[in-house]
Amino acid sequence: MQDEPIDTPRRIAFWGGILGVVFGLLLLQFLLAEYPHWGQTTIYALATIPPFGLWALTLTIAQRVVDRRAARRNRE
């Protein structure tokens, strides 16, 4: 199951999304505490991005990483 080509990008996108949310919350806490204007600007900017757009972007990047790894393995 781990070697299926579509499974690995989804797993990368899932964990990337989880880590991104945690990192984003910590970053926003810091920005709102230290630089309130930047924190508000960041919130407004993130509110304009569709959530599934970010997931699709992460999944696309993960698919390319897996494809490059597979190409390297095939060359060897």
PDB file of N, CA and C in Angstrom:
ATOM      1  N   MET A   1       0.814  -1.193   0.000  1.00  0.00           N
ATOM      2  CA  MET A   1       0.000   0.000   0.000  1.00  0.00           C
ATOM      3  C   MET A   1       0.859   1.260   0.000  1.00  0.00           C
ATOM      4  N   GLN A   2       2.007   1.221   0.646  1.00  0.00           N
ATOM      5  CA  GLN A   2       2.849   2.409   0.706  1.00  0.00           C
ATOM      6  C   GLN A   2       3.519   2.717  -0.625  1.00  0.00           C
ATOM      7  N   ASP A   3       3.644   1.735  -1.488  1.00  0.00           N
ATOM      8  CA  ASP A   3       4.325   1.954  -2.758  1.00  0.00           C
ATOM      9  C   ASP A   3       3.384   2.352  -3.882  1.00  0.00           C
ATOM     10  N   GLU A   4       2.092   2.467  -3.594  1.00  0.00           N
ATOM     11  CA  GLU A   4       1.163   2.897  -4.628  1.00  0.00           C
ATOM     12  C   GLU A   4       1.464   4.346  -4.988  1.00  0.00           C
ATOM     13  N   PRO A   5       1.514   4.674  -6.283  1.00  0.00           N
ATOM     14  CA  PRO A   5       1.935   6.010  -6.684  1.00  0.00           C
ATOM     15  C   PRO A   5       1.023   7.132  -6.210  1.00  0.00           C
ATOM     16  N   ILE A   6      -0.291   6.899  -6.087  1.00  0.00           N
ATOM     17  CA  ILE A   6      -1.186   7.991  -5.693  1.00  0.00           C
ATOM     18  C   ILE A   6      -1.275   8.104  -4.172  1.00  0.00           C
ATOM     19  N   ASP A   7      -0.946   7.038  -3.449  1.00  0.00           N
ATOM     20  CA  ASP A   7      -1.072   7.052  -1.996  1.00  0.00           C
ATOM     21  C   ASP A   7      -0.035   7.964  -1.343  1.00  0.00           C
ATOM     22  N   THR A   8       1.192   7.923  -1.813  1.00  0.00           N
ATOM     23  CA  THR A   8       2.254   8.718  -1.201  1.00  0.00           C
ATOM     24  C   THR A   8       2.009  10.215  -1.322  1.00  0.00           C
ATOM     25  N   PRO A   9       1.628  10.770  -2.477  1.00  0.00           N
ATOM     26  CA  PRO A   9       1.362  12.212  -2.535  1.00  0.00           C
ATOM     27  C   PRO A   9       0.232  12.643  -1.612  1.00  0.00           C
ATOM     28  N   ARG A  10      -0.789  11.816  -1.486  1.00  0.00           N
ATOM     29  CA  ARG A  10      -1.888  12.173  -0.582  1.00  0.00           C
ATOM     30  C   ARG A  10      -1.405  12.211   0.859  1.00  0.00           C
ATOM     31  N   ARG A  11      -0.551  11.262   1.207  1.00  0.00           N
ATOM     32  CA  ARG A  11      -0.016  11.232   2.565  1.00  0.00           C
ATOM     33  C   ARG A  11       0.862  12.454   2.817  1.00  0.00           C
ATOM     34  N   ILE A  12       1.689  12.808   1.847  1.00  0.00           N
ATOM     35  CA  ILE A  12       2.532  13.998   1.976  1.00  0.00           C
ATOM     36  C   ILE A  12       1.666  15.244   2.091  1.00  0.00           C
ATOM     37  N   ALA A  13       0.638  15.343   1.268  1.00  0.00           N
ATOM     38  CA  ALA A  13      -0.243  16.515   1.310  1.00  0.00           C
ATOM     39  C   ALA A  13      -0.992  16.587   2.638  1.00  0.00           C
ATOM     40  N   PHE A  14      -1.416  15.446   3.154  1.00  0.00           N
ATOM     41  CA  PHE A  14      -2.137  15.434   4.426  1.00  0.00           C
ATOM     42  C   PHE A  14      -1.253  15.936   5.560  1.00  0.00           C
ATOM     43  N   TRP A  15      -0.068  15.344   5.700  1.00  0.00           N
ATOM     44  CA  TRP A  15       0.813  15.750   6.793  1.00  0.00           C
ATOM     45  C   TRP A  15       1.354  17.154   6.582  1.00  0.00           C
ATOM     46  N   GLY A  16       1.577  17.535   5.332  1.00  0.00           N
ATOM     47  CA  GLY A  16       1.969  18.918   5.061  1.00  0.00           C
ATOM     48  C   GLY A  16       0.890  19.893   5.478  1.00  0.00           C
ATOM     49  N   GLY A  17      -0.364  19.519   5.250  1.00  0.00           N
ATOM     50  CA  GLY A  17      -1.474  20.370   5.668  1.00  0.00           C
ATOM     51  C   GLY A  17      -1.574  20.486   7.176  1.00  0.00           C
ATOM     52  N   ILE A  18      -1.408  19.366   7.873  1.00  0.00           N
ATOM     53  CA  ILE A  18      -1.457  19.385   9.340  1.00  0.00           C
ATOM     54  C   ILE A  18      -0.336  20.260   9.889  1.00  0.00           C
ATOM     55  N   LEU A  19       0.881  20.051   9.403  1.00  0.00           N
ATOM     56  CA  LEU A  19       2.009  20.859   9.880  1.00  0.00           C
ATOM     57  C   LEU A  19       1.841  22.322   9.502  1.00  0.00           C
ATOM     58  N   GLY A  20       1.283  22.579   8.330  1.00  0.00           N
ATOM     59  CA  GLY A  20       1.047  23.954   7.902  1.00  0.00           C
ATOM     60  C   GLY A  20       0.060  24.680   8.795  1.00  0.00           C
ATOM     61  N   VAL A  21      -0.989  23.984   9.211  1.00  0.00           N
ATOM     62  CA  VAL A  21      -1.978  24.597  10.106  1.00  0.00           C
ATOM     63  C   VAL A  21      -1.346  24.909  11.459  1.00  0.00           C
ATOM     64  N   VAL A  22      -0.588  23.968  12.007  1.00  0.00           N
ATOM     65  CA  VAL A  22       0.057  24.197  13.306  1.00  0.00           C
ATOM     66  C   VAL A  22       1.050  25.348  13.205  1.00  0.00           C
ATOM     67  N   PHE A  23       1.893  25.335  12.176  1.00  0.00           N
ATOM     68  CA  PHE A  23       2.867  26.409  11.988  1.00  0.00           C
ATOM     69  C   PHE A  23       2.163  27.745  11.775  1.00  0.00           C
ATOM     70  N   GLY A  24       1.087  27.734  11.008  1.00  0.00           N
ATOM     71  CA  GLY A  24       0.338  28.962  10.750  1.00  0.00           C
ATOM     72  C   GLY A  24      -0.264  29.549  12.012  1.00  0.00           C
ATOM     73  N   LEU A  25      -0.811  28.689  12.874  1.00  0.00           N
ATOM     74  CA  LEU A  25      -1.372  29.179  14.134  1.00  0.00           C
ATOM     75  C   LEU A  25      -0.295  29.791  15.018  1.00  0.00           C
ATOM     76  N   LEU A  26       0.860  29.132  15.098  1.00  0.00           N
ATOM     77  CA  LEU A  26       1.957  29.683  15.900  1.00  0.00           C
ATOM     78  C   LEU A  26       2.453  31.003  15.320  1.00  0.00           C
ATOM     79  N   LEU A  27       2.556  31.078  14.000  1.00  0.00           N
ATOM     80  CA  LEU A  27       2.995  32.313  13.354  1.00  0.00           C
ATOM     81  C   LEU A  27       1.998  33.440  13.597  1.00  0.00           C
ATOM     82  N   LEU A  28       0.707  33.153  13.481  1.00  0.00           N
ATOM     83  CA  LEU A  28      -0.298  34.185  13.719  1.00  0.00           C
ATOM     84  C   LEU A  28      -0.299  34.647  15.171  1.00  0.00           C
ATOM     85  N   GLN A  29      -0.098  33.733  16.115  1.00  0.00           N
ATOM     86  CA  GLN A  29      -0.008  34.147  17.517  1.00  0.00           C
ATOM     87  C   GLN A  29       1.157  35.104  17.711  1.00  0.00           C
ATOM     88  N   PHE A  30       2.293  34.780  17.107  1.00  0.00           N
ATOM     89  CA  PHE A  30       3.460  35.655  17.218  1.00  0.00           C
ATOM     90  C   PHE A  30       3.195  37.002  16.564  1.00  0.00           C
ATOM     91  N   LEU A  31       2.645  36.979  15.347  1.00  0.00           N
ATOM     92  CA  LEU A  31       2.402  38.238  14.641  1.00  0.00           C
ATOM     93  C   LEU A  31       1.395  39.114  15.374  1.00  0.00           C
ATOM     94  N   LEU A  32       0.328  38.515  15.878  1.00  0.00           N
ATOM     95  CA  LEU A  32      -0.681  39.313  16.577  1.00  0.00           C
ATOM     96  C   LEU A  32      -0.145  39.870  17.893  1.00  0.00           C
ATOM     97  N   ALA A  33       0.780  39.160  18.531  1.00  0.00           N
ATOM     98  CA  ALA A  33       1.351  39.643  19.790  1.00  0.00           C
ATOM     99  C   ALA A  33       2.411  40.713  19.553  1.00  0.00           C
ATOM    100  N   GLU A  34       3.270  40.509  18.573  1.00  0.00           N
ATOM    101  CA  GLU A  34       4.400  41.416  18.357  1.00  0.00           C
ATOM    102  C   GLU A  34       4.106  42.517  17.342  1.00  0.00           C
ATOM    103  N   TYR A  35       3.417  42.171  16.267  1.00  0.00           N
ATOM    104  CA  TYR A  35       3.132  43.119  15.176  1.00  0.00           C
ATOM    105  C   TYR A  35       1.653  43.012  14.800  1.00  0.00           C
ATOM    106  N   PRO A  36       0.764  43.656  15.555  1.00  0.00           N
ATOM    107  CA  PRO A  36      -0.681  43.492  15.307  1.00  0.00           C
ATOM    108  C   PRO A  36      -1.111  43.847  13.887  1.00  0.00           C
ATOM    109  N   HIS A  37      -0.489  44.855  13.285  1.00  0.00           N
ATOM    110  CA  HIS A  37      -0.876  45.245  11.925  1.00  0.00           C
ATOM    111  C   HIS A  37      -0.553  44.122  10.931  1.00  0.00           C
ATOM    112  N   TRP A  38       0.623  43.519  11.055  1.00  0.00           N
ATOM    113  CA  TRP A  38       0.993  42.413  10.167  1.00  0.00           C
ATOM    114  C   TRP A  38       0.094  41.209  10.395  1.00  0.00           C
ATOM    115  N   GLY A  39      -0.264  40.962  11.656  1.00  0.00           N
ATOM    116  CA  GLY A  39      -1.150  39.836  11.962  1.00  0.00           C
ATOM    117  C   GLY A  39      -2.504  39.989  11.300  1.00  0.00           C
ATOM    118  N   GLN A  40      -3.081  41.196  11.371  1.00  0.00           N
ATOM    119  CA  GLN A  40      -4.377  41.438  10.730  1.00  0.00           C
ATOM    120  C   GLN A  40      -4.265  41.317   9.214  1.00  0.00           C
ATOM    121  N   THR A  41      -3.186  41.844   8.654  1.00  0.00           N
ATOM    122  CA  THR A  41      -2.979  41.750   7.204  1.00  0.00           C
ATOM    123  C   THR A  41      -2.859  40.288   6.775  1.00  0.00           C
ATOM    124  N   THR A  42      -2.147  39.492   7.561  1.00  0.00           N
ATOM    125  CA  THR A  42      -1.985  38.070   7.255  1.00  0.00           C
ATOM    126  C   THR A  42      -3.331  37.347   7.294  1.00  0.00           C
ATOM    127  N   ILE A  43      -4.145  37.654   8.298  1.00  0.00           N
ATOM    128  CA  ILE A  43      -5.466  37.022   8.402  1.00  0.00           C
ATOM    129  C   ILE A  43      -6.322  37.368   7.185  1.00  0.00           C
ATOM    130  N   TYR A  44      -6.317  38.629   6.795  1.00  0.00           N
ATOM    131  CA  TYR A  44      -7.111  39.031   5.632  1.00  0.00           C
ATOM    132  C   TYR A  44      -6.593  38.372   4.351  1.00  0.00           C
ATOM    133  N   ALA A  45      -5.279  38.275   4.212  1.00  0.00           N
ATOM    134  CA  ALA A  45      -4.706  37.651   3.015  1.00  0.00           C
ATOM    135  C   ALA A  45      -5.065  36.166   2.950  1.00  0.00           C
ATOM    136  N   LEU A  46      -4.970  35.475   4.077  1.00  0.00           N
ATOM    137  CA  LEU A  46      -5.291  34.045   4.092  1.00  0.00           C
ATOM    138  C   LEU A  46      -6.776  33.788   3.879  1.00  0.00           C
ATOM    139  N   ALA A  47      -7.608  34.731   4.286  1.00  0.00           N
ATOM    140  CA  ALA A  47      -9.052  34.561   4.111  1.00  0.00           C
ATOM    141  C   ALA A  47      -9.462  34.622   2.642  1.00  0.00           C
ATOM    142  N   THR A  48      -8.617  35.190   1.794  1.00  0.00           N
ATOM    143  CA  THR A  48      -8.955  35.295   0.375  1.00  0.00           C
ATOM    144  C   THR A  48      -8.571  34.046  -0.416  1.00  0.00           C
ATOM    145  N   ILE A  49      -7.773  33.151   0.177  1.00  0.00           N
ATOM    146  CA  ILE A  49      -7.313  31.944  -0.517  1.00  0.00           C
ATOM    147  C   ILE A  49      -8.280  30.800  -0.216  1.00  0.00           C
ATOM    148  N   PRO A  50      -8.832  30.157  -1.243  1.00  0.00           N
ATOM    149  CA  PRO A  50      -9.722  29.022  -0.981  1.00  0.00           C
ATOM    150  C   PRO A  50      -8.940  27.867  -0.348  1.00  0.00           C
ATOM    151  N   PRO A  51      -9.462  27.254   0.712  1.00  0.00           N
ATOM    152  CA  PRO A  51      -8.733  26.185   1.395  1.00  0.00           C
ATOM    153  C   PRO A  51      -8.394  25.010   0.480  1.00  0.00           C
ATOM    154  N   PHE A  52      -9.315  24.652  -0.423  1.00  0.00           N
ATOM    155  CA  PHE A  52      -9.030  23.521  -1.303  1.00  0.00           C
ATOM    156  C   PHE A  52      -7.974  23.873  -2.339  1.00  0.00           C
ATOM    157  N   GLY A  53      -7.802  25.157  -2.615  1.00  0.00           N
ATOM    158  CA  GLY A  53      -6.730  25.589  -3.512  1.00  0.00           C
ATOM    159  C   GLY A  53      -5.369  25.269  -2.925  1.00  0.00           C
ATOM    160  N   LEU A  54      -5.203  25.514  -1.634  1.00  0.00           N
ATOM    161  CA  LEU A  54      -3.935  25.195  -0.972  1.00  0.00           C
ATOM    162  C   LEU A  54      -3.711  23.688  -0.933  1.00  0.00           C
ATOM    163  N   TRP A  55      -4.779  22.923  -0.670  1.00  0.00           N
ATOM    164  CA  TRP A  55      -4.633  21.477  -0.640  1.00  0.00           C
ATOM    165  C   TRP A  55      -4.254  20.952  -2.025  1.00  0.00           C
ATOM    166  N   ALA A  56      -4.880  21.485  -3.059  1.00  0.00           N
ATOM    167  CA  ALA A  56      -4.574  21.052  -4.430  1.00  0.00           C
ATOM    168  C   ALA A  56      -3.133  21.397  -4.795  1.00  0.00           C
ATOM    169  N   LEU A  57      -2.674  22.565  -4.381  1.00  0.00           N
ATOM    170  CA  LEU A  57      -1.288  22.960  -4.643  1.00  0.00           C
ATOM    171  C   LEU A  57      -0.322  22.017  -3.935  1.00  0.00           C
ATOM    172  N   THR A  58      -0.601  21.700  -2.677  1.00  0.00           N
ATOM    173  CA  THR A  58       0.254  20.780  -1.927  1.00  0.00           C
ATOM    174  C   THR A  58       0.246  19.394  -2.554  1.00  0.00           C
ATOM    175  N   LEU A  59      -0.911  18.933  -2.991  1.00  0.00           N
ATOM    176  CA  LEU A  59      -0.998  17.616  -3.623  1.00  0.00           C
ATOM    177  C   LEU A  59      -0.229  17.587  -4.942  1.00  0.00           C
ATOM    178  N   THR A  60      -0.288  18.664  -5.710  1.00  0.00           N
ATOM    179  CA  THR A  60       0.451  18.740  -6.970  1.00  0.00           C
ATOM    180  C   THR A  60       1.952  18.694  -6.723  1.00  0.00           C
ATOM    181  N   ILE A  61       2.419  19.456  -5.740  1.00  0.00           N
ATOM    182  CA  ILE A  61       3.848  19.452  -5.411  1.00  0.00           C
ATOM    183  C   ILE A  61       4.273  18.068  -4.934  1.00  0.00           C
ATOM    184  N   ALA A  62       3.462  17.440  -4.087  1.00  0.00           N
ATOM    185  CA  ALA A  62       3.787  16.102  -3.596  1.00  0.00           C
ATOM    186  C   ALA A  62       3.839  15.096  -4.742  1.00  0.00           C
ATOM    187  N   GLN A  63       2.929  15.205  -5.703  1.00  0.00           N
ATOM    188  CA  GLN A  63       2.928  14.293  -6.851  1.00  0.00           C
ATOM    189  C   GLN A  63       4.210  14.452  -7.663  1.00  0.00           C
ATOM    190  N   ARG A  64       4.650  15.675  -7.851  1.00  0.00           N
ATOM    191  CA  ARG A  64       5.893  15.903  -8.598  1.00  0.00           C
ATOM    192  C   ARG A  64       7.099  15.343  -7.863  1.00  0.00           C
ATOM    193  N   VAL A  65       7.128  15.483  -6.535  1.00  0.00           N
ATOM    194  CA  VAL A  65       8.234  14.928  -5.751  1.00  0.00           C
ATOM    195  C   VAL A  65       8.276  13.418  -5.905  1.00  0.00           C
ATOM    196  N   VAL A  66       7.133  12.773  -5.814  1.00  0.00           N
ATOM    197  CA  VAL A  66       7.072  11.314  -5.945  1.00  0.00           C
ATOM    198  C   VAL A  66       7.455  10.884  -7.357  1.00  0.00           C
ATOM    199  N   ASP A  67       7.014  11.612  -8.368  1.00  0.00           N
ATOM    200  CA  ASP A  67       7.374  11.280  -9.751  1.00  0.00           C
ATOM    201  C   ASP A  67       8.877  11.397  -9.973  1.00  0.00           C
ATOM    202  N   ARG A  68       9.493  12.427  -9.411  1.00  0.00           N
ATOM    203  CA  ARG A  68      10.950  12.582  -9.557  1.00  0.00           C
ATOM    204  C   ARG A  68      11.696  11.453  -8.858  1.00  0.00           C
ATOM    205  N   ARG A  69      11.202  11.060  -7.677  1.00  0.00           N
ATOM    206  CA  ARG A  69      11.830   9.943  -6.970  1.00  0.00           C
ATOM    207  C   ARG A  69      11.728   8.666  -7.792  1.00  0.00           C
ATOM    208  N   ALA A  70      10.566   8.424  -8.372  1.00  0.00           N
ATOM    209  CA  ALA A  70      10.370   7.220  -9.184  1.00  0.00           C
ATOM    210  C   ALA A  70      11.260   7.253 -10.420  1.00  0.00           C
ATOM    211  N   ALA A  71      11.423   8.434 -11.020  1.00  0.00           N
ATOM    212  CA  ALA A  71      12.285   8.550 -12.197  1.00  0.00           C
ATOM    213  C   ALA A  71      13.738   8.263 -11.829  1.00  0.00           C
ATOM    214  N   ARG A  72      14.164   8.739 -10.666  1.00  0.00           N
ATOM    215  CA  ARG A  72      15.538   8.470 -10.223  1.00  0.00           C
ATOM    216  C   ARG A  72      15.742   6.983  -9.969  1.00  0.00           C
ATOM    217  N   ARG A  73      14.755   6.329  -9.364  1.00  0.00           N
ATOM    218  CA  ARG A  73      14.872   4.886  -9.103  1.00  0.00           C
ATOM    219  C   ARG A  73      14.931   4.096 -10.402  1.00  0.00           C
ATOM    220  N   ASN A  74      14.183   4.529 -11.405  1.00  0.00           N
ATOM    221  CA  ASN A  74      14.178   3.822 -12.688  1.00  0.00           C
ATOM    222  C   ASN A  74      15.491   3.998 -13.430  1.00  0.00           C
ATOM    223  N   ARG A  75      16.158   5.136 -13.227  1.00  0.00           N
ATOM    224  CA  ARG A  75      17.451   5.364 -13.888  1.00  0.00           C
ATOM    225  C   ARG A  75      18.545   4.491 -13.301  1.00  0.00           C
ATOM    226  N   GLU A  76      18.424   4.180 -12.017  1.00  0.00           N
ATOM    227  CA  GLU A  76      19.489   3.410 -11.353  1.00  0.00           C
ATOM    228  C   GLU A  76      19.425   1.950 -11.644  1.00  0.00           C
TER     229      GLU A  76
END
